[in-house]
């Protein structure tokens, strides 16, 4: 069976202002997908902000899709990051956690969220949304076609937990393909 080809890169339009304050299009292009390290899912950085509130007066000649978020190449401290992720058929990504609140919006395909406790939730309807709140998680494509989703990551305070003695600890950011979720027995 032939391997399905990835979806076509989407178009990105960024607006701004002329020197006299009139609305204009600053960028109108296709996003560029890149594969990073051991991550099997190509990702296209759409835009990054480095502060909140965002500065709409920033030099418009700087294309923010080429600016890396400063933490794990995923999260901008005190900022935002929007990307598009394509996961090949029958592919897990890996367990990871960032100190961020993430809005994950399914565009096409089948996307399975796997949490640290081994629970799985599968999204099949385009437009379905996951609000990811700093938990250790994985994304899987169990389908036979490509999966595409939009990820909006916004910097957040790290998650704090306390043990039975009341000792508070901070859950660390983790991006590693060696961290695995428990497997469920068949």
N, C-alpha and C. Protein backbone atom coordinates (compact mmCIF):
# COMPACT_ATOMS: atom_id res chain seq x y z
N UNK A 1 0.84 -1.18 0.00
CA UNK A 1 0.00 0.00 0.00
C UNK A 1 0.88 1.25 0.00
N UNK A 2 0.65 2.18 -0.91
CA UNK A 2 1.49 3.39 -0.96
C UNK A 2 1.26 4.28 0.26
N UNK A 3 2.33 4.95 0.67
CA UNK A 3 2.25 5.88 1.80
C UNK A 3 1.54 7.15 1.32
N UNK A 4 0.50 7.61 2.06
CA UNK A 4 -0.18 8.84 1.65
C UNK A 4 0.77 10.04 1.69
N UNK A 5 0.60 10.94 0.74
CA UNK A 5 1.43 12.14 0.74
C UNK A 5 0.89 13.12 1.77
N UNK A 6 1.77 13.94 2.36
CA UNK A 6 1.31 14.90 3.36
C UNK A 6 0.40 15.95 2.74
N UNK A 7 -0.44 16.58 3.56
CA UNK A 7 -1.30 17.65 3.05
C UNK A 7 -0.47 18.82 2.53
N UNK A 8 -1.07 19.59 1.64
CA UNK A 8 -0.44 20.79 1.08
C UNK A 8 -0.23 21.82 2.20
N UNK A 9 0.91 22.51 2.21
CA UNK A 9 1.11 23.55 3.22
C UNK A 9 0.06 24.65 3.08
N UNK A 10 -0.51 25.10 4.19
CA UNK A 10 -1.51 26.16 4.11
C UNK A 10 -0.88 27.53 3.86
N UNK A 11 -1.70 28.43 3.41
CA UNK A 11 -1.30 29.82 3.17
C UNK A 11 -1.41 30.59 4.48
N UNK A 12 -0.49 31.53 4.67
CA UNK A 12 -0.47 32.37 5.86
C UNK A 12 -0.51 33.82 5.41
N UNK A 13 -1.43 34.58 5.99
CA UNK A 13 -1.56 36.00 5.68
C UNK A 13 -1.39 36.77 6.99
N UNK A 14 -0.44 37.70 7.01
CA UNK A 14 -0.19 38.53 8.19
C UNK A 14 -0.47 39.97 7.81
N UNK A 15 -1.29 40.64 8.61
CA UNK A 15 -1.63 42.03 8.33
C UNK A 15 -0.82 42.97 9.21
N UNK A 16 -0.79 44.23 8.83
CA UNK A 16 -0.08 45.26 9.58
C UNK A 16 -0.57 46.62 9.14
N UNK A 17 0.31 47.62 9.25
CA UNK A 17 -0.06 49.00 8.93
C UNK A 17 1.00 49.67 8.08
N UNK A 18 0.57 50.56 7.22
CA UNK A 18 1.49 51.42 6.48
C UNK A 18 1.97 52.52 7.43
N UNK A 19 3.02 53.27 7.06
CA UNK A 19 3.49 54.34 7.94
C UNK A 19 2.41 55.36 8.30
N UNK A 20 1.39 55.54 7.42
CA UNK A 20 0.33 56.50 7.75
C UNK A 20 -0.86 55.84 8.45
N UNK A 21 -0.71 54.55 8.86
CA UNK A 21 -1.74 53.91 9.68
C UNK A 21 -2.80 53.13 8.94
N UNK A 22 -2.65 52.96 7.63
CA UNK A 22 -3.65 52.21 6.87
C UNK A 22 -3.36 50.71 6.95
N UNK A 23 -4.42 49.89 6.97
CA UNK A 23 -4.27 48.44 7.01
C UNK A 23 -3.64 47.93 5.72
N UNK A 24 -2.75 46.93 5.87
CA UNK A 24 -2.09 46.35 4.69
C UNK A 24 -1.70 44.90 4.98
N UNK A 25 -1.43 44.16 3.93
CA UNK A 25 -0.91 42.80 4.07
C UNK A 25 0.61 42.88 4.12
N UNK A 26 1.20 42.29 5.16
CA UNK A 26 2.65 42.32 5.34
C UNK A 26 3.29 41.05 4.77
N UNK A 27 2.68 39.89 5.02
CA UNK A 27 3.17 38.62 4.49
C UNK A 27 1.99 37.86 3.91
N UNK A 28 2.21 37.20 2.77
CA UNK A 28 1.21 36.35 2.14
C UNK A 28 2.00 35.22 1.49
N UNK A 29 2.09 34.08 2.19
CA UNK A 29 2.96 33.01 1.74
C UNK A 29 2.46 31.66 2.24
N UNK A 30 3.15 30.60 1.86
CA UNK A 30 2.88 29.28 2.42
C UNK A 30 3.75 29.10 3.64
N UNK A 31 3.24 28.39 4.64
CA UNK A 31 4.07 28.08 5.80
C UNK A 31 5.06 26.99 5.39
N UNK A 32 6.18 26.93 6.08
CA UNK A 32 7.23 25.96 5.79
C UNK A 32 7.28 24.93 6.91
N UNK A 33 7.11 23.67 6.57
CA UNK A 33 7.16 22.59 7.55
C UNK A 33 8.60 22.13 7.72
N UNK A 34 8.98 21.88 8.98
CA UNK A 34 10.32 21.39 9.30
C UNK A 34 10.20 20.21 10.25
N UNK A 35 11.13 19.29 10.16
CA UNK A 35 11.22 18.18 11.09
C UNK A 35 12.36 18.50 12.04
N UNK A 36 12.11 18.36 13.35
CA UNK A 36 13.08 18.75 14.35
C UNK A 36 13.52 17.54 15.17
N UNK A 37 14.81 17.24 15.16
CA UNK A 37 15.35 16.17 15.99
C UNK A 37 14.66 14.84 15.79
N UNK A 38 14.25 14.23 16.91
CA UNK A 38 13.61 12.92 16.88
C UNK A 38 12.10 13.00 16.71
N UNK A 39 11.56 14.20 16.55
CA UNK A 39 10.11 14.37 16.44
C UNK A 39 9.68 13.93 15.04
N UNK A 40 8.80 12.92 14.93
CA UNK A 40 8.40 12.42 13.62
C UNK A 40 7.34 13.26 12.93
N UNK A 41 6.90 14.34 13.57
CA UNK A 41 5.80 15.15 13.03
C UNK A 41 6.33 16.48 12.51
N UNK A 42 6.23 16.73 11.21
CA UNK A 42 6.63 18.04 10.68
C UNK A 42 5.79 19.16 11.30
N UNK A 43 6.45 20.27 11.64
CA UNK A 43 5.77 21.40 12.27
C UNK A 43 6.10 22.67 11.50
N UNK A 44 5.09 23.51 11.30
CA UNK A 44 5.28 24.81 10.66
C UNK A 44 4.98 25.89 11.68
N UNK A 45 5.98 26.72 11.95
CA UNK A 45 5.81 27.85 12.85
C UNK A 45 5.08 28.93 12.07
N UNK A 46 3.93 29.38 12.55
CA UNK A 46 3.15 30.41 11.86
C UNK A 46 3.52 31.80 12.37
N UNK A 47 3.58 31.95 13.70
CA UNK A 47 3.89 33.26 14.29
C UNK A 47 4.28 33.06 15.74
N UNK A 48 5.15 33.92 16.24
CA UNK A 48 5.62 33.90 17.62
C UNK A 48 5.54 35.31 18.16
N UNK A 49 5.06 35.47 19.40
CA UNK A 49 5.19 36.76 20.08
C UNK A 49 6.08 36.55 21.29
N UNK A 50 6.81 37.57 21.66
CA UNK A 50 7.76 37.47 22.77
C UNK A 50 7.31 38.26 23.99
N UNK A 51 6.10 38.81 23.95
CA UNK A 51 5.60 39.58 25.08
C UNK A 51 4.08 39.53 25.09
N UNK A 52 3.53 39.88 26.27
CA UNK A 52 2.07 39.98 26.40
C UNK A 52 1.79 41.22 27.25
N UNK A 53 1.02 42.17 26.70
CA UNK A 53 0.35 42.09 25.40
C UNK A 53 1.36 42.14 24.26
N UNK A 54 0.95 41.58 23.12
CA UNK A 54 1.81 41.57 21.94
C UNK A 54 2.01 42.99 21.43
N UNK A 55 3.15 43.23 20.78
CA UNK A 55 3.48 44.55 20.26
C UNK A 55 3.17 44.60 18.77
N UNK A 56 2.05 45.21 18.40
CA UNK A 56 1.67 45.34 17.00
C UNK A 56 2.41 46.47 16.29
N UNK A 57 3.31 47.15 17.02
CA UNK A 57 4.12 48.21 16.41
C UNK A 57 5.50 47.71 16.03
N UNK A 58 5.77 46.44 16.27
CA UNK A 58 7.08 45.84 15.98
C UNK A 58 7.42 46.02 14.50
N UNK A 59 8.70 46.06 14.20
CA UNK A 59 9.18 46.15 12.82
C UNK A 59 8.53 45.06 11.97
N UNK A 60 7.76 45.46 10.98
CA UNK A 60 7.01 44.52 10.17
C UNK A 60 7.86 43.79 9.14
N UNK A 61 9.14 44.13 9.04
CA UNK A 61 9.99 43.40 8.10
C UNK A 61 10.51 42.10 8.72
N UNK A 62 10.32 41.93 10.03
CA UNK A 62 10.76 40.71 10.70
C UNK A 62 9.64 39.68 10.59
N UNK A 63 9.93 38.57 9.94
CA UNK A 63 8.94 37.51 9.80
C UNK A 63 9.02 36.60 11.02
N UNK A 64 8.04 36.69 11.91
CA UNK A 64 8.08 35.99 13.19
C UNK A 64 7.94 34.48 13.06
N UNK A 65 7.69 33.94 11.88
CA UNK A 65 7.67 32.48 11.77
C UNK A 65 9.09 31.92 11.82
N UNK A 66 10.10 32.78 11.67
CA UNK A 66 11.49 32.33 11.75
C UNK A 66 12.10 32.58 13.13
N UNK A 67 11.34 33.11 14.05
CA UNK A 67 11.82 33.37 15.40
C UNK A 67 11.45 32.18 16.28
N UNK A 68 12.46 31.57 16.89
CA UNK A 68 12.20 30.40 17.72
C UNK A 68 11.67 30.81 19.08
N UNK A 69 10.65 30.09 19.58
CA UNK A 69 10.28 30.28 20.98
C UNK A 69 11.48 29.91 21.85
N UNK A 70 11.61 30.53 23.01
CA UNK A 70 12.83 30.37 23.79
C UNK A 70 12.86 29.15 24.70
N UNK A 71 11.76 28.45 24.90
CA UNK A 71 11.77 27.27 25.76
C UNK A 71 11.38 26.04 24.95
N UNK A 72 12.33 25.13 24.81
CA UNK A 72 12.11 23.85 24.14
C UNK A 72 11.65 24.02 22.70
N UNK A 73 11.92 25.17 22.12
CA UNK A 73 11.47 25.51 20.75
C UNK A 73 9.96 25.42 20.60
N UNK A 74 9.23 25.48 21.71
CA UNK A 74 7.77 25.38 21.68
C UNK A 74 7.07 26.56 22.33
N UNK A 75 7.62 27.06 23.43
CA UNK A 75 6.92 28.07 24.23
C UNK A 75 7.76 29.35 24.31
N UNK A 76 7.11 30.49 24.13
CA UNK A 76 7.75 31.79 24.32
C UNK A 76 7.44 32.30 25.72
N UNK A 77 8.49 32.57 26.50
CA UNK A 77 8.27 33.11 27.83
C UNK A 77 7.54 34.43 27.70
N UNK A 78 6.42 34.56 28.39
CA UNK A 78 5.55 35.72 28.36
C UNK A 78 5.06 36.02 26.94
N UNK A 79 4.86 35.00 26.14
CA UNK A 79 4.42 35.22 24.77
C UNK A 79 3.52 34.11 24.27
N UNK A 80 3.38 34.05 22.95
CA UNK A 80 2.52 33.06 22.31
C UNK A 80 3.25 32.43 21.13
N UNK A 81 2.75 31.28 20.72
CA UNK A 81 3.33 30.57 19.59
C UNK A 81 2.20 29.81 18.91
N UNK A 82 2.00 30.05 17.62
CA UNK A 82 1.02 29.28 16.86
C UNK A 82 1.76 28.48 15.80
N UNK A 83 1.44 27.21 15.73
CA UNK A 83 2.07 26.35 14.73
C UNK A 83 1.03 25.39 14.16
N UNK A 84 1.40 24.78 13.05
CA UNK A 84 0.58 23.74 12.43
C UNK A 84 1.42 22.48 12.45
N UNK A 85 0.83 21.37 12.89
CA UNK A 85 1.56 20.11 13.02
C UNK A 85 0.90 19.07 12.14
N UNK A 86 1.71 18.35 11.38
CA UNK A 86 1.25 17.22 10.57
C UNK A 86 1.85 15.95 11.15
N UNK A 87 1.01 14.96 11.46
CA UNK A 87 1.50 13.68 11.97
C UNK A 87 1.24 12.61 10.92
N UNK A 88 2.30 11.88 10.51
CA UNK A 88 2.12 10.82 9.52
C UNK A 88 1.20 9.71 10.04
N UNK A 89 0.68 8.88 9.14
CA UNK A 89 -0.19 7.78 9.56
C UNK A 89 0.50 6.84 10.55
N UNK A 90 -0.28 6.31 11.48
CA UNK A 90 0.14 5.30 12.45
C UNK A 90 1.44 5.73 13.14
N UNK A 91 1.43 6.94 13.72
CA UNK A 91 2.64 7.50 14.33
C UNK A 91 2.33 8.14 15.68
N UNK A 92 3.09 7.76 16.74
CA UNK A 92 3.06 8.53 17.98
C UNK A 92 4.13 9.62 17.91
N UNK A 93 3.98 10.67 18.68
CA UNK A 93 5.02 11.70 18.75
C UNK A 93 5.94 11.31 19.91
N UNK A 94 5.70 11.76 21.11
CA UNK A 94 6.35 11.30 22.34
C UNK A 94 5.75 12.09 23.50
N UNK A 95 5.93 11.56 24.70
CA UNK A 95 5.42 12.23 25.89
C UNK A 95 6.20 13.53 26.09
N UNK A 96 5.47 14.59 26.44
CA UNK A 96 6.11 15.88 26.71
C UNK A 96 5.19 16.74 27.57
N UNK A 97 5.81 17.73 28.24
CA UNK A 97 5.06 18.70 29.04
C UNK A 97 5.74 20.05 28.89
N UNK A 98 4.93 21.09 28.71
CA UNK A 98 5.44 22.45 28.71
C UNK A 98 4.64 23.26 29.72
N UNK A 99 5.27 24.28 30.29
CA UNK A 99 4.56 25.19 31.19
C UNK A 99 3.83 26.21 30.32
N UNK A 100 2.70 25.76 29.82
CA UNK A 100 1.90 26.59 28.91
C UNK A 100 0.47 26.10 28.95
N UNK A 101 -0.42 26.94 28.45
CA UNK A 101 -1.78 26.49 28.16
C UNK A 101 -1.84 26.41 26.64
N UNK A 102 -2.26 25.26 26.15
CA UNK A 102 -2.25 25.01 24.71
C UNK A 102 -3.67 24.79 24.23
N UNK A 103 -3.99 25.40 23.11
CA UNK A 103 -5.27 25.16 22.45
C UNK A 103 -4.95 24.37 21.19
N UNK A 104 -5.40 23.14 21.14
CA UNK A 104 -5.13 22.23 20.03
C UNK A 104 -6.42 22.07 19.25
N UNK A 105 -6.40 22.40 17.96
CA UNK A 105 -7.61 22.37 17.13
C UNK A 105 -7.36 21.40 15.98
N UNK A 106 -8.16 20.33 15.93
CA UNK A 106 -8.03 19.34 14.86
C UNK A 106 -8.54 19.93 13.55
N UNK A 107 -7.72 19.84 12.52
CA UNK A 107 -8.10 20.32 11.19
C UNK A 107 -8.54 19.14 10.32
N UNK A 108 -7.74 18.07 10.32
CA UNK A 108 -8.09 16.90 9.52
C UNK A 108 -7.44 15.65 10.10
N UNK A 109 -8.02 14.50 9.80
CA UNK A 109 -7.47 13.23 10.25
C UNK A 109 -8.02 12.83 11.60
N UNK A 110 -7.25 12.00 12.27
CA UNK A 110 -7.63 11.43 13.57
C UNK A 110 -6.49 11.70 14.54
N UNK A 111 -6.79 12.31 15.68
CA UNK A 111 -5.76 12.69 16.65
C UNK A 111 -6.11 12.09 18.00
N UNK A 112 -5.17 11.32 18.57
CA UNK A 112 -5.39 10.72 19.88
C UNK A 112 -4.49 11.39 20.90
N UNK A 113 -5.10 11.88 21.98
CA UNK A 113 -4.40 12.45 23.12
C UNK A 113 -4.16 11.33 24.12
N UNK A 114 -2.89 11.12 24.51
CA UNK A 114 -2.53 10.11 25.50
C UNK A 114 -1.98 10.85 26.71
N UNK A 115 -2.55 10.59 27.89
CA UNK A 115 -2.09 11.24 29.11
C UNK A 115 -1.20 10.30 29.92
N UNK A 116 -0.54 10.85 30.91
CA UNK A 116 0.42 10.12 31.73
C UNK A 116 -0.19 8.89 32.40
N UNK A 117 -1.48 8.95 32.74
CA UNK A 117 -2.13 7.81 33.38
C UNK A 117 -2.52 6.71 32.38
N UNK A 118 -2.19 6.91 31.10
CA UNK A 118 -2.49 5.91 30.08
C UNK A 118 -3.83 6.12 29.40
N UNK A 119 -4.64 7.07 29.89
CA UNK A 119 -5.94 7.30 29.26
C UNK A 119 -5.75 7.92 27.88
N UNK A 120 -6.68 7.57 26.98
CA UNK A 120 -6.62 8.06 25.60
C UNK A 120 -7.96 8.64 25.20
N UNK A 121 -7.93 9.76 24.49
CA UNK A 121 -9.12 10.38 23.93
C UNK A 121 -8.83 10.65 22.46
N UNK A 122 -9.70 10.16 21.58
CA UNK A 122 -9.48 10.33 20.15
C UNK A 122 -10.44 11.36 19.58
N UNK A 123 -9.87 12.31 18.83
CA UNK A 123 -10.65 13.33 18.13
C UNK A 123 -10.76 12.91 16.67
N UNK A 124 -11.98 12.94 16.14
CA UNK A 124 -12.18 12.57 14.73
C UNK A 124 -12.91 13.66 13.95
N UNK A 125 -13.51 14.61 14.64
CA UNK A 125 -14.28 15.66 13.98
C UNK A 125 -13.43 16.92 13.82
N UNK A 126 -13.22 17.40 12.60
CA UNK A 126 -12.51 18.66 12.42
C UNK A 126 -13.16 19.77 13.25
N UNK A 127 -12.34 20.57 13.88
CA UNK A 127 -12.84 21.63 14.75
C UNK A 127 -12.86 21.23 16.21
N UNK A 128 -12.67 19.94 16.52
CA UNK A 128 -12.59 19.51 17.92
C UNK A 128 -11.38 20.17 18.56
N UNK A 129 -11.52 20.52 19.85
CA UNK A 129 -10.49 21.29 20.54
C UNK A 129 -10.09 20.60 21.84
N UNK A 130 -8.79 20.58 22.11
CA UNK A 130 -8.25 20.14 23.40
C UNK A 130 -7.64 21.37 24.06
N UNK A 131 -7.99 21.60 25.33
CA UNK A 131 -7.33 22.64 26.12
C UNK A 131 -6.33 21.89 27.00
N UNK A 132 -5.07 22.03 26.68
CA UNK A 132 -3.98 21.29 27.30
C UNK A 132 -3.35 22.19 28.37
N UNK A 133 -3.44 21.78 29.65
CA UNK A 133 -3.04 22.63 30.77
C UNK A 133 -1.80 22.11 31.49
N UNK A 134 -0.69 22.04 30.79
CA UNK A 134 0.58 21.69 31.42
C UNK A 134 0.73 20.24 31.81
N UNK A 135 -0.09 19.33 31.27
CA UNK A 135 0.03 17.92 31.63
C UNK A 135 1.03 17.21 30.73
N UNK A 136 1.59 16.12 31.25
CA UNK A 136 2.45 15.26 30.46
C UNK A 136 1.55 14.52 29.48
N UNK A 137 1.86 14.61 28.19
CA UNK A 137 0.96 14.04 27.18
C UNK A 137 1.72 13.66 25.91
N UNK A 138 1.03 12.91 25.08
CA UNK A 138 1.54 12.50 23.78
C UNK A 138 0.42 12.69 22.77
N UNK A 139 0.77 12.86 21.51
CA UNK A 139 -0.20 12.88 20.42
C UNK A 139 0.09 11.68 19.53
N UNK A 140 -0.96 10.98 19.11
CA UNK A 140 -0.80 9.84 18.20
C UNK A 140 -1.75 10.00 17.03
N UNK A 141 -1.29 9.54 15.89
CA UNK A 141 -2.16 9.39 14.73
C UNK A 141 -2.29 7.89 14.51
N UNK A 142 -3.43 7.33 14.88
CA UNK A 142 -3.67 5.89 14.70
C UNK A 142 -4.32 5.59 13.35
N UNK A 143 -4.63 6.64 12.60
CA UNK A 143 -5.32 6.48 11.32
C UNK A 143 -4.38 6.10 10.19
N UNK A 144 -4.97 5.94 9.00
CA UNK A 144 -4.20 5.55 7.82
C UNK A 144 -3.84 6.76 6.95
N UNK A 145 -4.35 7.93 7.28
CA UNK A 145 -4.02 9.16 6.55
C UNK A 145 -3.31 10.13 7.48
N UNK A 146 -2.83 11.24 6.93
CA UNK A 146 -2.16 12.25 7.73
C UNK A 146 -3.16 12.96 8.64
N UNK A 147 -2.66 13.42 9.80
CA UNK A 147 -3.43 14.25 10.73
C UNK A 147 -2.81 15.63 10.75
N UNK A 148 -3.66 16.66 10.72
CA UNK A 148 -3.17 18.04 10.83
C UNK A 148 -3.93 18.73 11.96
N UNK A 149 -3.17 19.44 12.82
CA UNK A 149 -3.81 20.25 13.85
C UNK A 149 -3.07 21.56 14.02
N UNK A 150 -3.80 22.53 14.57
CA UNK A 150 -3.22 23.82 14.92
C UNK A 150 -2.96 23.81 16.42
N UNK A 151 -1.79 24.31 16.82
CA UNK A 151 -1.44 24.40 18.23
C UNK A 151 -1.13 25.86 18.56
N UNK A 152 -1.88 26.40 19.51
CA UNK A 152 -1.62 27.75 20.02
C UNK A 152 -1.11 27.57 21.45
N UNK A 153 0.15 27.92 21.70
CA UNK A 153 0.76 27.77 23.02
C UNK A 153 0.95 29.15 23.64
N UNK A 154 0.46 29.30 24.88
CA UNK A 154 0.57 30.56 25.61
C UNK A 154 1.29 30.27 26.91
N UNK A 155 2.31 31.05 27.20
CA UNK A 155 3.10 30.87 28.41
C UNK A 155 2.20 30.82 29.64
N UNK A 156 2.52 29.93 30.58
CA UNK A 156 1.75 29.79 31.82
C UNK A 156 2.72 29.49 32.97
N UNK A 157 2.23 29.67 34.18
CA UNK A 157 3.02 29.30 35.35
C UNK A 157 3.17 27.78 35.39
N UNK A 158 4.31 27.28 35.89
CA UNK A 158 4.48 25.84 36.01
C UNK A 158 3.44 25.24 36.96
N UNK A 159 3.13 23.98 36.77
CA UNK A 159 2.18 23.28 37.64
C UNK A 159 2.90 22.92 38.94
N UNK A 160 2.24 23.21 40.08
CA UNK A 160 2.76 22.87 41.40
C UNK A 160 1.93 21.74 41.99
N UNK A 161 2.59 20.77 42.60
CA UNK A 161 1.88 19.67 43.27
C UNK A 161 2.47 19.52 44.67
N UNK A 162 1.70 18.95 45.59
CA UNK A 162 2.22 18.70 46.93
C UNK A 162 2.06 17.23 47.27
N UNK A 163 3.07 16.70 47.98
CA UNK A 163 3.01 15.30 48.37
C UNK A 163 2.26 15.15 49.69
N UNK A 164 2.24 13.94 50.24
CA UNK A 164 1.48 13.67 51.48
C UNK A 164 1.99 14.48 52.67
N UNK A 165 3.26 14.87 52.65
CA UNK A 165 3.82 15.67 53.74
C UNK A 165 3.64 17.17 53.49
N UNK A 166 3.00 17.53 52.39
CA UNK A 166 2.76 18.93 52.08
C UNK A 166 3.91 19.62 51.38
N UNK A 167 4.92 18.84 50.97
CA UNK A 167 6.05 19.42 50.26
C UNK A 167 5.62 19.73 48.83
N UNK A 168 5.80 20.98 48.45
CA UNK A 168 5.37 21.43 47.13
C UNK A 168 6.54 21.31 46.15
N UNK A 169 6.25 20.77 45.00
CA UNK A 169 7.26 20.70 43.95
C UNK A 169 6.65 21.17 42.64
N UNK A 170 7.53 21.58 41.75
CA UNK A 170 7.13 22.07 40.43
C UNK A 170 7.32 20.95 39.42
N UNK A 171 6.30 20.70 38.61
CA UNK A 171 6.44 19.69 37.55
C UNK A 171 7.30 20.29 36.44
N UNK A 172 8.37 19.59 36.05
CA UNK A 172 9.30 20.15 35.06
C UNK A 172 8.76 20.09 33.64
N UNK A 173 9.28 20.98 32.79
CA UNK A 173 9.01 20.87 31.36
C UNK A 173 9.81 19.68 30.84
N UNK A 174 9.19 18.87 30.00
CA UNK A 174 9.83 17.67 29.49
C UNK A 174 9.54 17.56 28.00
N UNK A 175 10.57 17.44 27.20
CA UNK A 175 10.40 17.12 25.79
C UNK A 175 11.43 16.05 25.50
N UNK A 176 10.98 14.79 25.52
CA UNK A 176 11.91 13.69 25.34
C UNK A 176 11.19 12.48 24.78
N UNK A 177 11.80 11.83 23.81
CA UNK A 177 11.19 10.62 23.29
C UNK A 177 11.51 9.40 24.14
N UNK A 178 12.22 9.61 25.27
CA UNK A 178 12.49 8.49 26.17
C UNK A 178 11.45 8.40 27.28
N UNK A 179 10.61 9.39 27.41
CA UNK A 179 9.56 9.41 28.43
C UNK A 179 8.30 8.80 27.81
N UNK A 180 7.88 7.66 28.30
CA UNK A 180 6.77 6.94 27.68
C UNK A 180 5.57 6.87 28.63
N UNK A 181 4.39 6.87 28.05
CA UNK A 181 3.16 6.68 28.83
C UNK A 181 3.02 5.20 29.12
N UNK A 182 2.29 4.85 30.19
CA UNK A 182 2.03 3.44 30.45
C UNK A 182 1.28 2.83 29.27
N UNK A 183 1.58 1.58 28.98
CA UNK A 183 0.85 0.91 27.90
C UNK A 183 -0.30 0.14 28.50
N UNK A 184 -1.43 0.16 27.82
CA UNK A 184 -2.58 -0.58 28.31
C UNK A 184 -2.51 -2.01 27.80
N UNK A 185 -2.88 -2.94 28.65
CA UNK A 185 -2.88 -4.36 28.28
C UNK A 185 -4.07 -4.64 27.40
N UNK A 186 -3.90 -5.50 26.40
CA UNK A 186 -5.01 -5.84 25.49
C UNK A 186 -5.90 -6.89 26.12
